[in-house]
Amino acid sequence: MTDESGEDAKLVAVPHTKLSKEYDHINDVNDLPELLKAQIHSFL
């Protein structure tokens, strides 16, 4: 993301497979469901 101060990297973390298999297929932010991306968009 880029704002008036310049480049600002963001990190989205998901639980490890040992804790929850729900996000086991997530390897990239583009793998997240559209609804979840929309819900967190204001934080990016």
PDB file of N, CA and C in Angstrom:
ATOM      1  N   MET A   1       0.848  -1.173   0.000  1.00  0.00           N
ATOM      2  CA  MET A   1       0.000   0.000   0.000  1.00  0.00           C
ATOM      3  C   MET A   1       0.890   1.232   0.000  1.00  0.00           C
ATOM      4  N   THR A   2       0.425   2.268  -0.660  1.00  0.00           N
ATOM      5  CA  THR A   2       1.166   3.520  -0.712  1.00  0.00           C
ATOM      6  C   THR A   2       0.270   4.642  -0.210  1.00  0.00           C
ATOM      7  N   ASP A   3       0.819   5.476   0.662  1.00  0.00           N
ATOM      8  CA  ASP A   3       0.084   6.638   1.138  1.00  0.00           C
ATOM      9  C   ASP A   3       0.974   7.863   0.989  1.00  0.00           C
ATOM     10  N   GLU A   4       0.584   8.985   1.604  1.00  0.00           N
ATOM     11  CA  GLU A   4       1.342  10.227   1.448  1.00  0.00           C
ATOM     12  C   GLU A   4       2.776  10.122   1.967  1.00  0.00           C
ATOM     13  N   SER A   5       3.052   9.165   2.841  1.00  0.00           N
ATOM     14  CA  SER A   5       4.403   8.959   3.373  1.00  0.00           C
ATOM     15  C   SER A   5       5.219   7.984   2.539  1.00  0.00           C
ATOM     16  N   GLY A   6       4.600   7.359   1.550  1.00  0.00           N
ATOM     17  CA  GLY A   6       5.296   6.407   0.688  1.00  0.00           C
ATOM     18  C   GLY A   6       4.787   4.993   0.871  1.00  0.00           C
ATOM     19  N   GLU A   7       5.630   4.034   0.500  1.00  0.00           N
ATOM     20  CA  GLU A   7       5.268   2.610   0.559  1.00  0.00           C
ATOM     21  C   GLU A   7       5.076   2.161   2.009  1.00  0.00           C
ATOM     22  N   ASP A   8       4.038   1.374   2.254  1.00  0.00           N
ATOM     23  CA  ASP A   8       3.710   0.890   3.594  1.00  0.00           C
ATOM     24  C   ASP A   8       3.263  -0.563   3.482  1.00  0.00           C
ATOM     25  N   ALA A   9       4.178  -1.491   3.744  1.00  0.00           N
ATOM     26  CA  ALA A   9       3.870  -2.923   3.626  1.00  0.00           C
ATOM     27  C   ALA A   9       2.872  -3.348   4.698  1.00  0.00           C
ATOM     28  N   LYS A  10       1.997  -4.267   4.341  1.00  0.00           N
ATOM     29  CA  LYS A  10       0.996  -4.811   5.266  1.00  0.00           C
ATOM     30  C   LYS A  10       1.187  -6.312   5.387  1.00  0.00           C
ATOM     31  N   LEU A  11       0.784  -6.850   6.514  1.00  0.00           N
ATOM     32  CA  LEU A  11       0.909  -8.275   6.779  1.00  0.00           C
ATOM     33  C   LEU A  11      -0.439  -8.809   7.236  1.00  0.00           C
ATOM     34  N   VAL A  12      -0.879  -9.895   6.624  1.00  0.00           N
ATOM     35  CA  VAL A  12      -2.098 -10.583   7.044  1.00  0.00           C
ATOM     36  C   VAL A  12      -1.669 -11.957   7.529  1.00  0.00           C
ATOM     37  N   ALA A  13      -1.971 -12.265   8.780  1.00  0.00           N
ATOM     38  CA  ALA A  13      -1.571 -13.549   9.365  1.00  0.00           C
ATOM     39  C   ALA A  13      -2.786 -14.452   9.529  1.00  0.00           C
ATOM     40  N   VAL A  14      -2.569 -15.737   9.347  1.00  0.00           N
ATOM     41  CA  VAL A  14      -3.611 -16.742   9.556  1.00  0.00           C
ATOM     42  C   VAL A  14      -3.064 -17.801  10.505  1.00  0.00           C
ATOM     43  N   PRO A  15      -3.935 -18.518  11.217  1.00  0.00           N
ATOM     44  CA  PRO A  15      -3.476 -19.541  12.157  1.00  0.00           C
ATOM     45  C   PRO A  15      -2.716 -20.666  11.456  1.00  0.00           C
ATOM     46  N   HIS A  16      -1.774 -21.234  12.168  1.00  0.00           N
ATOM     47  CA  HIS A  16      -1.033 -22.401  11.676  1.00  0.00           C
ATOM     48  C   HIS A  16      -2.002 -23.571  11.512  1.00  0.00           C
ATOM     49  N   THR A  17      -1.704 -24.454  10.586  1.00  0.00           N
ATOM     50  CA  THR A  17      -2.548 -25.618  10.299  1.00  0.00           C
ATOM     51  C   THR A  17      -2.826 -26.450  11.544  1.00  0.00           C
ATOM     52  N   LYS A  18      -1.884 -26.520  12.480  1.00  0.00           N
ATOM     53  CA  LYS A  18      -2.095 -27.291  13.709  1.00  0.00           C
ATOM     54  C   LYS A  18      -3.205 -26.694  14.568  1.00  0.00           C
ATOM     55  N   LEU A  19      -3.451 -25.391  14.425  1.00  0.00           N
ATOM     56  CA  LEU A  19      -4.486 -24.729  15.215  1.00  0.00           C
ATOM     57  C   LEU A  19      -5.837 -24.694  14.511  1.00  0.00           C
ATOM     58  N   SER A  20      -5.810 -24.508  13.201  1.00  0.00           N
ATOM     59  CA  SER A  20      -7.053 -24.423  12.433  1.00  0.00           C
ATOM     60  C   SER A  20      -6.781 -24.757  10.975  1.00  0.00           C
ATOM     61  N   LYS A  21      -7.524 -25.693  10.444  1.00  0.00           N
ATOM     62  CA  LYS A  21      -7.362 -26.068   9.040  1.00  0.00           C
ATOM     63  C   LYS A  21      -8.195 -25.166   8.119  1.00  0.00           C
ATOM     64  N   GLU A  22      -8.971 -24.262   8.713  1.00  0.00           N
ATOM     65  CA  GLU A  22      -9.844 -23.383   7.937  1.00  0.00           C
ATOM     66  C   GLU A  22      -9.065 -22.541   6.916  1.00  0.00           C
ATOM     67  N   TYR A  23      -7.859 -22.134   7.267  1.00  0.00           N
ATOM     68  CA  TYR A  23      -7.063 -21.279   6.386  1.00  0.00           C
ATOM     69  C   TYR A  23      -5.891 -22.026   5.761  1.00  0.00           C
ATOM     70  N   ASP A  24      -5.946 -23.336   5.748  1.00  0.00           N
ATOM     71  CA  ASP A  24      -4.852 -24.177   5.255  1.00  0.00           C
ATOM     72  C   ASP A  24      -4.481 -23.868   3.805  1.00  0.00           C
ATOM     73  N   HIS A  25      -5.440 -23.434   3.016  1.00  0.00           N
ATOM     74  CA  HIS A  25      -5.209 -23.170   1.594  1.00  0.00           C
ATOM     75  C   HIS A  25      -4.735 -21.744   1.308  1.00  0.00           C
ATOM     76  N   ILE A  26      -4.611 -20.914   2.343  1.00  0.00           N
ATOM     77  CA  ILE A  26      -4.229 -19.515   2.151  1.00  0.00           C
ATOM     78  C   ILE A  26      -2.709 -19.392   2.076  1.00  0.00           C
ATOM     79  N   ASN A  27      -2.224 -18.969   0.914  1.00  0.00           N
ATOM     80  CA  ASN A  27      -0.796 -18.745   0.718  1.00  0.00           C
ATOM     81  C   ASN A  27      -0.503 -17.306   0.310  1.00  0.00           C
ATOM     82  N   ASP A  28      -1.544 -16.574  -0.034  1.00  0.00           N
ATOM     83  CA  ASP A  28      -1.398 -15.218  -0.542  1.00  0.00           C
ATOM     84  C   ASP A  28      -2.679 -14.462  -0.200  1.00  0.00           C
ATOM     85  N   VAL A  29      -2.590 -13.148  -0.083  1.00  0.00           N
ATOM     86  CA  VAL A  29      -3.778 -12.360   0.241  1.00  0.00           C
ATOM     87  C   VAL A  29      -4.883 -12.566  -0.798  1.00  0.00           C
ATOM     88  N   ASN A  30      -4.520 -12.864  -2.022  1.00  0.00           N
ATOM     89  CA  ASN A  30      -5.523 -13.114  -3.063  1.00  0.00           C
ATOM     90  C   ASN A  30      -6.267 -14.423  -2.855  1.00  0.00           C
ATOM     91  N   ASP A  31      -5.772 -15.292  -1.969  1.00  0.00           N
ATOM     92  CA  ASP A  31      -6.449 -16.553  -1.646  1.00  0.00           C
ATOM     93  C   ASP A  31      -7.564 -16.356  -0.619  1.00  0.00           C
ATOM     94  N   LEU A  32      -7.608 -15.193   0.022  1.00  0.00           N
ATOM     95  CA  LEU A  32      -8.640 -14.930   1.022  1.00  0.00           C
ATOM     96  C   LEU A  32      -9.999 -14.782   0.344  1.00  0.00           C
ATOM     97  N   PRO A  33     -11.073 -15.176   1.029  1.00  0.00           N
ATOM     98  CA  PRO A  33     -12.416 -14.991   0.476  1.00  0.00           C
ATOM     99  C   PRO A  33     -12.702 -13.501   0.247  1.00  0.00           C
ATOM    100  N   GLU A  34     -13.462 -13.189  -0.787  1.00  0.00           N
ATOM    101  CA  GLU A  34     -13.780 -11.801  -1.119  1.00  0.00           C
ATOM    102  C   GLU A  34     -14.426 -11.072   0.059  1.00  0.00           C
ATOM    103  N   LEU A  35     -15.318 -11.737   0.775  1.00  0.00           N
ATOM    104  CA  LEU A  35     -15.985 -11.108   1.913  1.00  0.00           C
ATOM    105  C   LEU A  35     -14.973 -10.708   2.980  1.00  0.00           C
ATOM    106  N   LEU A  36     -14.032 -11.575   3.298  1.00  0.00           N
ATOM    107  CA  LEU A  36     -13.020 -11.260   4.309  1.00  0.00           C
ATOM    108  C   LEU A  36     -12.146 -10.096   3.850  1.00  0.00           C
ATOM    109  N   LYS A  37     -11.758 -10.091   2.581  1.00  0.00           N
ATOM    110  CA  LYS A  37     -10.959  -8.975   2.061  1.00  0.00           C
ATOM    111  C   LYS A  37     -11.735  -7.663   2.171  1.00  0.00           C
ATOM    112  N   ALA A  38     -13.025  -7.697   1.897  1.00  0.00           N
ATOM    113  CA  ALA A  38     -13.848  -6.493   2.005  1.00  0.00           C
ATOM    114  C   ALA A  38     -13.945  -6.028   3.454  1.00  0.00           C
ATOM    115  N   GLN A  39     -14.035  -6.972   4.391  1.00  0.00           N
ATOM    116  CA  GLN A  39     -14.157  -6.624   5.804  1.00  0.00           C
ATOM    117  C   GLN A  39     -12.888  -5.987   6.354  1.00  0.00           C
ATOM    118  N   ILE A  40     -11.726  -6.392   5.857  1.00  0.00           N
ATOM    119  CA  ILE A  40     -10.471  -5.845   6.380  1.00  0.00           C
ATOM    120  C   ILE A  40      -9.916  -4.713   5.516  1.00  0.00           C
ATOM    121  N   HIS A  41     -10.584  -4.388   4.422  1.00  0.00           N
ATOM    122  CA  HIS A  41     -10.084  -3.368   3.493  1.00  0.00           C
ATOM    123  C   HIS A  41      -9.799  -2.043   4.187  1.00  0.00           C
ATOM    124  N   SER A  42     -10.630  -1.629   5.119  1.00  0.00           N
ATOM    125  CA  SER A  42     -10.434  -0.332   5.779  1.00  0.00           C
ATOM    126  C   SER A  42      -9.161  -0.295   6.626  1.00  0.00           C
ATOM    127  N   PHE A  43      -8.603  -1.444   6.971  1.00  0.00           N
ATOM    128  CA  PHE A  43      -7.374  -1.494   7.749  1.00  0.00           C
ATOM    129  C   PHE A  43      -6.137  -1.502   6.866  1.00  0.00           C
ATOM    130  N   LEU A  44      -6.317  -1.724   5.578  1.00  0.00           N
ATOM    131  CA  LEU A  44      -5.186  -1.771   4.656  1.00  0.00           C
ATOM    132  C   LEU A  44      -4.911  -0.415   4.168  1.00  0.00           C
TER     133      LEU A  44
END
